[in-house]
Protein backbone atom coordinates (compact mmCIF):
# COMPACT_ATOMS: atom_id res chain seq x y z
CA MET A 1 5.15 -2.63 7.80
CA ARG A 2 5.24 -2.32 11.45
CA HIS A 3 2.98 -5.39 11.86
CA VAL A 4 5.54 -7.63 10.26
CA SER A 5 8.83 -5.88 10.98
CA LYS A 6 9.96 -8.67 13.43
CA MET A 7 8.30 -11.63 11.52
CA THR A 8 9.79 -14.13 9.19
CA ARG A 9 7.61 -15.11 6.02
CA ASP A 10 6.73 -18.36 7.65
CA GLN A 11 5.49 -16.80 10.75
CA PHE A 12 3.45 -14.31 8.86
CA LEU A 13 1.85 -17.23 6.66
CA THR A 14 0.61 -18.95 9.91
CA GLU A 15 -0.78 -15.85 11.70
CA GLU A 16 -4.08 -15.02 10.23
CA LYS A 17 -4.70 -12.03 12.54
CA THR A 18 -1.66 -10.35 11.21
CA GLN A 19 -2.53 -11.17 7.74
CA ASP A 20 -5.93 -9.43 8.50
CA ALA A 21 -4.15 -6.42 9.95
CA VAL A 22 -1.72 -6.10 7.00
CA SER A 23 -4.77 -6.53 4.50
CA ARG A 24 -6.57 -3.52 6.31
CA CYS A 25 -3.50 -1.39 6.16
CA ILE A 26 -2.93 -2.09 2.43
CA GLU A 27 -6.62 -1.31 1.79
CA ALA A 28 -6.14 2.11 3.59
CA ILE A 29 -3.05 2.80 1.61
CA GLY A 30 -4.85 2.05 -1.77
CA GLU A 31 -7.79 4.25 -0.61
CA ALA A 32 -5.70 7.13 0.35
CA ALA A 33 -3.50 6.94 -2.89
CA ASN A 34 -6.72 6.92 -5.00
CA ARG A 35 -8.09 9.89 -3.15
CA ALA A 36 -4.79 11.86 -3.53
CA ILE A 37 -4.95 11.45 -7.29
CA ARG A 38 -8.58 12.38 -7.26
CA LEU A 39 -7.93 15.50 -5.30
CA ASP A 40 -5.01 16.53 -7.21
CA PRO A 41 -4.63 14.82 -10.74
CA THR A 42 -1.26 16.57 -11.40
CA ILE A 43 0.26 14.06 -8.74
CA ALA A 44 0.07 11.34 -11.39
CA VAL A 45 1.86 13.41 -13.86
CA ASP A 46 4.39 14.99 -11.60
CA PHE A 47 5.16 11.72 -9.72
CA PRO A 48 4.72 8.77 -12.12
CA GLU A 49 6.60 6.54 -9.62
CA PHE A 50 3.60 6.93 -7.25
CA GLU A 51 1.57 3.89 -8.19
CA ALA A 52 -1.67 4.94 -7.05
CA GLU A 53 -3.51 2.90 -9.46
CA LYS A 54 -1.93 -0.41 -8.64
CA ALA A 55 -2.36 0.44 -4.89
CA TYR A 56 -6.15 1.17 -5.48
CA ALA A 57 -6.38 -2.09 -7.55
CA ALA A 58 -4.76 -4.05 -4.62
CA ARG A 59 -7.30 -2.31 -2.16
CA ASN A 60 -10.15 -3.54 -4.39
CA VAL A 61 -8.92 -7.18 -4.53
CA LEU A 62 -8.53 -6.99 -0.62
CA SER A 63 -11.96 -5.34 -0.10
CA HIS A 64 -13.91 -7.33 -2.60
CA ASP A 65 -12.24 -10.59 -3.54
CA TYR A 66 -12.09 -12.11 -0.18
CA PHE A 67 -11.43 -15.64 -1.27
CA LYS A 68 -8.67 -14.64 -3.68
CA VAL A 69 -6.35 -13.00 -1.12
CA ASP A 70 -3.17 -15.15 -1.12
CA PRO A 71 -1.07 -14.74 2.04
CA GLN A 72 2.13 -15.13 0.06
CA ILE A 73 1.06 -12.33 -2.28
CA LEU A 74 0.20 -10.25 0.72
CA TRP A 75 3.69 -10.98 2.28
CA ALA A 76 5.42 -9.96 -0.94
CA THR A 77 3.29 -6.67 -1.30
CA VAL A 78 4.19 -5.51 2.36
CA GLN A 79 7.73 -6.36 1.76
CA GLU A 80 8.13 -4.82 -1.67
CA SER A 81 5.37 -2.57 -2.81
CA VAL A 82 4.20 -0.99 0.41
CA PRO A 83 7.65 0.51 1.27
CA ARG A 84 7.95 1.89 -2.20
CA ILE A 85 4.60 3.68 -2.14
CA VAL A 86 5.13 5.00 1.43
CA SER A 87 8.57 6.20 0.42
CA GLU A 88 6.97 7.91 -2.67
CA ALA A 89 4.21 9.43 -0.74
CA ASN A 90 6.74 10.92 1.69
CA ARG A 91 8.81 12.27 -1.19
CA ILE A 92 5.49 13.88 -2.77
CA LEU A 93 4.76 15.41 0.71
CA SER A 94 8.14 16.69 1.30
CA ARG A 95 8.40 18.37 -2.17
CA ARG A 96 4.94 19.91 -1.73
CA SER A 97 5.89 21.28 1.69
CA ASP A 98 9.17 22.86 0.23
CA THR A 99 7.10 24.56 -2.56
CA PRO A 100 5.75 27.93 -1.49
């Protein structure tokens, strides 16, 4: 999100380097979400709003379907989905740190 915080959609759609940076960050988020669920499957049950499967699916598209990446979808993802999953991950971490 920090890569696009001061950008408009039109600016993002013309800046390939920023698109690449955002793609890489979304890949990392998807991989981390998948690892979290693999390491602790109760996360999926206890926090159904944590859309790890969707994040990992996005990671796979970005990692393997190079020519299918649509910058407009990437923009929508970073504006809508990324803030939700980051917020949910922070909520999970906060709740876990409150539990003895």
